Every structure is written in structure tokens, then in C-alpha cells.
Amino acid sequence: MVVEKVVTPINPEEENLAPPVVEQPEGTEVTPQVTPIAEEEKLYAGKYKTPEELEAGYENSNREATRMAQEIKRLTGMVQSALTPGEKKEVEDKVTDLTKHFDGETARVLSNYFNNLVEQRFAKNSQETQAQSDFKTQVSENWEETKKLYPDVANPKSKLYLRANEILFERKLATQDASGTVQLLTPFAYRIAVEAASLELSRQTSPSASKGRVGAIAGRGSKPATQGKLTYEQYMALPSDDARDAYDKSQTQ
């Protein structure tokens, strides 16, 4: 007897059906299948795999920070020591490209900073040089006028000259450094010292004559000027020592 094998055709709609459930004998514990989750690798400071790598990273970072600070200090000193236009050009050439000392972005920022620092320094130097020149001119003009009014002061051996020189330092109208260089604190320092010495010497010889001389000196000029370069009379007519100090300061800045 021949048994025919019956083949059930596959229904395409049944292909996606859930897999058959395998019945477990009663009392058997079923263990659920769990897909393990990959554990993330622990990083120190977000980039180092081990504490040793972290420590080495910090040491390298500190060394680099120290190197950069020293380089910036060197460049700053180079800028501050530049005094002539030639030295200015040399410094500008050196700070224009700093890529051999720093990364690209840091080099760009520092180049701009040091170039601006150079320009500011030389602009300030130019202003100071002009102020010093104006101060010396005013000192010279006042000295020439003082010699015309008090001819004896042109003689270094005269009593007037010697006493005026003492008053110059007694009243702190000037200072003198270790090399002997005298720095006047006001362009009218010589004139003030000479007039004070003249008054003092006049009193020693003739009190009445000194009064007349003082009146003549004080009578010159009347209206004080408040801006620009002052004459001696205008300077002495300023309302207070503070006003005169402010003028002196304005002539040296």
C-alpha cells in the first residue's frame, strides 16, 4: 500500500507569524534571554584611560603653560626695551609670526596683542619726548629772562647764585640723583629760587629797598592764565599751590 505524502502549501501571509511556542514540562523554570549591555570605558578628565596617563597629561600641561608664560614674558621685555624706530621695526618683525612658539590661533591673538603694544608704547614715547622738549624750552626761556632781571645770577661765584642754588633744593623745587643730574619740578624753578634769594639778600642790606623790589616783581602781570604755556607772572598769579602743581604736572606729561 502506497502512502502519499501530503505537502501543505505555504501561505505567504503566514511567513511572518511568531515562532511556535515550545511547551515546557510542568514545573520547569524558564530563564529569560537577556542581551548584555556593553559597559562604557571609564575616562579620566574625559580623555585619559588610566590614572597614570592623567598624571602625565597634567605634567605636560604644566610644562607647556610655564613655557608659554616665559615666552610671553620674553616678548613683553623685548617690546619694552625697544626705544628707536629701528628697534621698533625689529620687534614688529619678530612678533608678526609667532607660530614657531605657539599654536596657530594663540599665535594670531598674541601677534595682534604685541603689535598693538608696540604702537601704544611708541605713541606714548613720542608724547613724552615732546613734553620733555617743551619743558626744556620753557626752562631755557625762563632762565634767559631771569638773567636779564638779575644779572648777578649769571656769575656762579656770586652770593645771589649760591643762595638761589641752595633755595632750589631747600624748597624742593628740584631733585638731584646720584650722578649729579638736576631735575627741575617746574619750569619756573630757577626764577622762583632767584627771586627768593634776591629778596633775602636785599633784606640783609636794606629792608626798605627790599620792599620796593618785591612790589616791582609782584606787580608784573595780573591775570592768571588757565591753559596753554604760562609766563612766570601768570604762573605766580595762579590762585594756589595746588593750581601751580597741576600746571607743573601738565607740562611734564
Protein backbone atom coordinates (compact mmCIF):
# COMPACT_ATOMS: atom_id res chain seq x y z
CA MET A 1 0.00 0.00 0.00
CA VAL A 2 1.46 3.34 -1.04
CA VAL A 3 1.04 6.27 1.35
CA GLU A 4 1.01 9.61 -0.30
CA LYS A 5 2.85 12.45 1.46
CA VAL A 6 0.65 15.47 1.69
CA VAL A 7 2.53 18.73 1.43
CA THR A 8 0.73 21.74 2.79
CA PRO A 9 1.42 24.78 0.65
CA ILE A 10 2.98 27.78 2.46
CA ASN A 11 0.70 30.73 2.82
CA PRO A 12 2.77 33.87 2.28
CA GLU A 13 0.68 35.65 4.89
CA GLU A 14 1.80 33.12 7.48
CA GLU A 15 5.53 33.51 6.94
CA ASN A 16 5.82 36.35 9.45
CA LEU A 17 3.89 34.62 12.16
CA ALA A 18 5.54 34.29 15.58
CA PRO A 19 7.68 31.15 16.09
CA PRO A 20 5.89 28.17 17.62
CA VAL A 21 5.79 28.10 21.37
CA VAL A 22 7.62 25.15 22.81
CA GLU A 23 5.73 23.78 25.71
CA GLN A 24 7.90 23.11 28.75
CA PRO A 25 7.05 20.28 31.10
CA GLU A 26 5.04 21.44 34.05
CA GLY A 27 7.20 22.76 36.92
CA THR A 28 10.20 23.66 34.71
CA GLU A 29 11.63 27.21 35.35
CA VAL A 30 12.01 29.28 32.24
CA THR A 31 15.12 31.55 32.12
CA PRO A 32 14.55 34.71 30.04
CA GLN A 33 17.16 35.55 27.46
CA VAL A 34 18.85 38.96 28.21
CA THR A 35 21.12 40.74 25.75
CA PRO A 36 24.14 42.11 27.70
CA ILE A 37 24.73 45.92 27.53
CA ALA A 38 28.26 46.93 26.60
CA GLU A 39 29.89 48.80 29.51
CA GLU A 40 31.35 52.23 28.60
CA GLU A 41 35.07 52.65 29.08
CA LYS A 42 35.94 54.90 32.04
CA LEU A 43 37.97 58.00 31.10
CA TYR A 44 39.80 60.36 33.44
CA ALA A 45 39.31 64.05 32.72
CA GLY A 46 37.37 62.98 29.65
CA LYS A 47 40.39 61.71 27.72
CA TYR A 48 42.80 59.60 29.79
CA LYS A 49 42.32 55.86 30.24
CA THR A 50 44.40 55.41 33.37
CA PRO A 51 45.39 57.49 36.40
CA GLU A 52 48.98 57.31 35.17
CA GLU A 53 48.03 58.84 31.84
CA LEU A 54 46.08 61.55 33.67
CA GLU A 55 49.09 62.44 35.82
CA ALA A 56 51.38 62.55 32.80
CA GLY A 57 48.88 64.77 30.99
CA TYR A 58 48.81 67.26 33.86
CA GLU A 59 52.61 67.38 33.97
CA ASN A 60 52.80 68.06 30.24
CA SER A 61 50.12 70.74 30.54
CA ASN A 62 52.01 72.48 33.36
CA ARG A 63 55.25 72.39 31.41
CA GLU A 64 53.56 73.92 28.36
CA ALA A 65 51.88 76.62 30.45
CA THR A 66 55.25 77.52 32.01
CA ARG A 67 56.92 77.62 28.60
CA MET A 68 54.21 79.89 27.18
CA ALA A 69 54.40 82.24 30.17
CA GLN A 70 58.17 82.53 29.81
CA GLU A 71 57.87 83.21 26.09
CA ILE A 72 55.25 85.92 26.63
CA LYS A 73 57.46 87.49 29.32
CA ARG A 74 60.41 87.47 26.90
CA LEU A 75 58.38 89.13 24.15
CA THR A 76 56.99 91.74 26.56
CA GLY A 77 60.51 92.63 27.70
CA MET A 78 61.62 92.90 24.08
CA VAL A 79 58.80 95.36 23.34
CA GLN A 80 59.55 97.47 26.43
CA SER A 81 63.27 97.69 25.65
CA ALA A 82 62.72 98.98 22.10
CA LEU A 83 63.49 102.70 22.04
CA THR A 84 64.45 103.65 18.47
CA PRO A 85 62.47 103.32 15.21
CA GLY A 86 64.97 100.65 14.12
CA GLU A 87 64.36 98.62 17.27
CA LYS A 88 60.61 99.10 16.80
CA LYS A 89 60.82 97.62 13.29
CA GLU A 90 62.91 94.70 14.57
CA VAL A 91 60.37 93.92 17.29
CA GLU A 92 57.45 94.16 14.86
CA ASP A 93 59.15 91.66 12.54
CA LYS A 94 59.65 89.21 15.41
CA VAL A 95 56.10 89.36 16.78
CA THR A 96 54.30 89.25 13.43
CA ASP A 97 54.65 85.46 13.13
CA LEU A 98 54.73 83.52 16.41
CA THR A 99 53.69 80.12 15.06
CA LYS A 100 57.05 78.59 15.96
CA HIS A 101 56.31 79.37 19.61
CA PHE A 102 52.52 78.83 19.82
CA ASP A 103 49.68 77.05 18.08
CA GLY A 104 48.06 78.88 15.16
CA GLU A 105 45.18 80.57 16.97
CA THR A 106 47.26 81.54 20.01
CA ALA A 107 50.00 82.90 17.74
CA ARG A 108 47.47 85.05 15.86
CA VAL A 109 45.99 86.52 19.05
CA LEU A 110 49.40 87.24 20.60
CA SER A 111 50.75 88.77 17.38
CA ASN A 112 47.88 91.27 17.37
CA TYR A 113 48.40 91.98 21.07
CA PHE A 114 52.15 92.63 20.79
CA ASN A 115 51.82 94.72 17.62
CA ASN A 116 49.26 96.93 19.40
CA LEU A 117 51.55 97.10 22.44
CA VAL A 118 54.43 98.30 20.24
CA GLU A 119 52.28 101.03 18.67
CA GLN A 120 50.96 102.20 22.05
CA ARG A 121 54.44 102.28 23.56
CA PHE A 122 55.93 104.35 20.76
CA ALA A 123 52.94 106.70 20.69
CA LYS A 124 53.43 107.28 24.42
CA ASN A 125 57.19 107.73 23.96
CA SER A 126 56.54 110.31 21.28
CA GLN A 127 54.20 112.26 23.56
CA GLU A 128 56.66 112.09 26.45
CA THR A 129 59.52 113.22 24.23
CA GLN A 130 57.50 116.19 23.02
CA ALA A 131 56.52 117.10 26.59
CA GLN A 132 60.16 116.92 27.71
CA SER A 133 61.22 119.08 24.79
CA ASP A 134 58.57 121.69 25.61
CA PHE A 135 59.60 121.62 29.27
CA LYS A 136 63.28 122.22 28.44
CA THR A 137 62.36 125.05 26.09
CA GLN A 138 60.32 126.73 28.79
CA VAL A 139 63.13 126.29 31.35
CA SER A 140 65.61 127.85 28.94
CA GLU A 141 63.32 130.81 28.17
CA ASN A 142 62.72 131.47 31.87
CA TRP A 143 66.42 131.24 32.68
CA GLU A 144 67.31 133.79 30.00
CA GLU A 145 64.64 136.17 31.29
CA THR A 146 65.85 135.66 34.87
CA LYS A 147 69.44 136.56 33.91
CA LYS A 148 68.22 139.79 32.33
CA LEU A 149 66.38 140.75 35.52
CA TYR A 150 69.14 139.56 37.87
CA PRO A 151 72.49 139.79 36.04
CA ASP A 152 74.45 138.65 39.11
CA VAL A 153 72.90 135.18 38.85
CA ALA A 154 74.97 134.52 35.73
CA ASN A 155 78.07 134.51 37.94
CA PRO A 156 78.41 131.10 39.73
CA LYS A 157 80.51 132.76 42.44
CA SER A 158 78.00 135.50 43.29
CA LYS A 159 76.03 135.46 46.53
CA LEU A 160 72.80 135.52 44.54
CA TYR A 161 73.73 132.45 42.52
CA LEU A 162 74.93 130.47 45.53
CA ARG A 163 71.90 131.30 47.69
CA ALA A 164 69.47 130.66 44.84
CA ASN A 165 71.02 127.25 44.30
CA GLU A 166 70.52 126.41 47.99
CA ILE A 167 66.90 127.59 47.92
CA LEU A 168 66.30 125.46 44.84
CA PHE A 169 66.72 122.31 46.96
CA GLU A 170 65.52 123.70 50.28
CA ARG A 171 62.11 124.39 48.79
CA LYS A 172 62.16 121.12 46.84
CA LEU A 173 61.96 122.90 43.52
CA ALA A 174 64.46 120.38 42.17
CA THR A 175 65.97 116.98 42.89
CA GLN A 176 69.42 115.60 42.22
CA ASP A 177 70.26 111.96 41.55
CA ALA A 178 73.44 110.06 42.41
CA SER A 179 75.07 111.05 39.12
CA GLY A 180 74.56 114.75 39.89
CA THR A 181 71.81 115.31 37.33
CA VAL A 182 69.36 118.00 38.46
CA GLN A 183 65.67 117.50 37.69
CA LEU A 184 63.53 120.62 37.98
CA LEU A 185 60.00 120.07 39.24
CA THR A 186 58.66 123.17 37.48
CA PRO A 187 59.97 125.17 34.51
CA PHE A 188 59.92 128.24 36.78
CA ALA A 189 62.15 126.69 39.46
CA TYR A 190 65.20 128.87 38.77
CA ARG A 191 63.15 132.05 38.63
CA ILE A 192 61.41 131.28 41.94
CA ALA A 193 64.72 130.45 43.66
CA VAL A 194 66.49 133.53 42.30
CA GLU A 195 63.73 135.91 43.33
CA ALA A 196 63.63 134.37 46.82
CA ALA A 197 67.41 134.68 47.14
CA SER A 198 67.31 138.26 45.89
CA LEU A 199 64.65 139.16 48.44
CA GLU A 200 66.59 137.53 51.25
CA LEU A 201 69.84 139.28 50.36
CA SER A 202 68.05 142.62 49.93
CA ARG A 203 66.60 142.37 53.44
CA GLN A 204 70.06 141.85 54.84
CA THR A 205 71.29 145.08 53.28
CA SER A 206 68.27 147.40 53.09
CA PRO A 207 64.77 146.45 54.39
CA SER A 208 63.13 149.42 52.67
CA ALA A 209 64.79 148.64 49.36
CA SER A 210 63.64 145.03 49.54
CA LYS A 211 60.05 146.12 49.92
CA GLY A 212 60.26 148.24 46.81
CA ARG A 213 61.87 145.42 44.86
CA VAL A 214 59.25 142.91 45.93
CA GLY A 215 56.50 145.27 44.91
CA ALA A 216 58.04 145.69 41.49
CA ILE A 217 58.30 141.95 40.98
CA ALA A 218 54.82 141.19 42.22
CA GLY A 219 53.38 143.99 40.11
CA ARG A 220 54.28 142.41 36.78
CA GLY A 221 51.38 140.69 35.08
CA SER A 222 47.97 140.43 36.63
CA LYS A 223 45.58 137.97 35.01
CA PRO A 224 46.39 134.29 35.55
CA ALA A 225 46.08 132.05 32.51
CA THR A 226 44.34 128.73 32.95
CA GLN A 227 45.58 126.83 29.92
CA GLY A 228 48.49 126.68 27.50
CA LYS A 229 52.03 127.75 28.36
CA LEU A 230 52.15 130.36 31.12
CA THR A 231 54.59 133.19 31.67
CA TYR A 232 56.26 133.37 35.04
CA GLU A 233 53.95 136.18 36.13
CA GLN A 234 50.87 134.20 35.11
CA TYR A 235 52.26 131.14 36.89
CA MET A 236 52.82 133.04 40.12
CA ALA A 237 49.34 134.58 39.81
CA LEU A 238 47.66 131.18 39.95
CA PRO A 239 45.37 131.06 43.00
CA SER A 240 47.09 128.29 44.98
CA ASP A 241 49.99 125.88 45.25
CA ASP A 242 47.67 123.12 44.07
CA ALA A 243 46.97 125.09 40.90
CA ARG A 244 50.70 125.57 40.32
CA ASP A 245 51.34 121.87 40.99
CA ALA A 246 48.64 120.97 38.46
CA TYR A 247 50.29 123.23 35.88
CA ASP A 248 53.73 121.75 36.53
CA LYS A 249 52.34 118.25 36.14
CA SER A 250 50.62 119.16 32.87
CA GLN A 251 53.95 120.32 31.46
CA THR A 252 55.70 117.03 32.14
CA GLN A 253 53.03 114.56 30.96
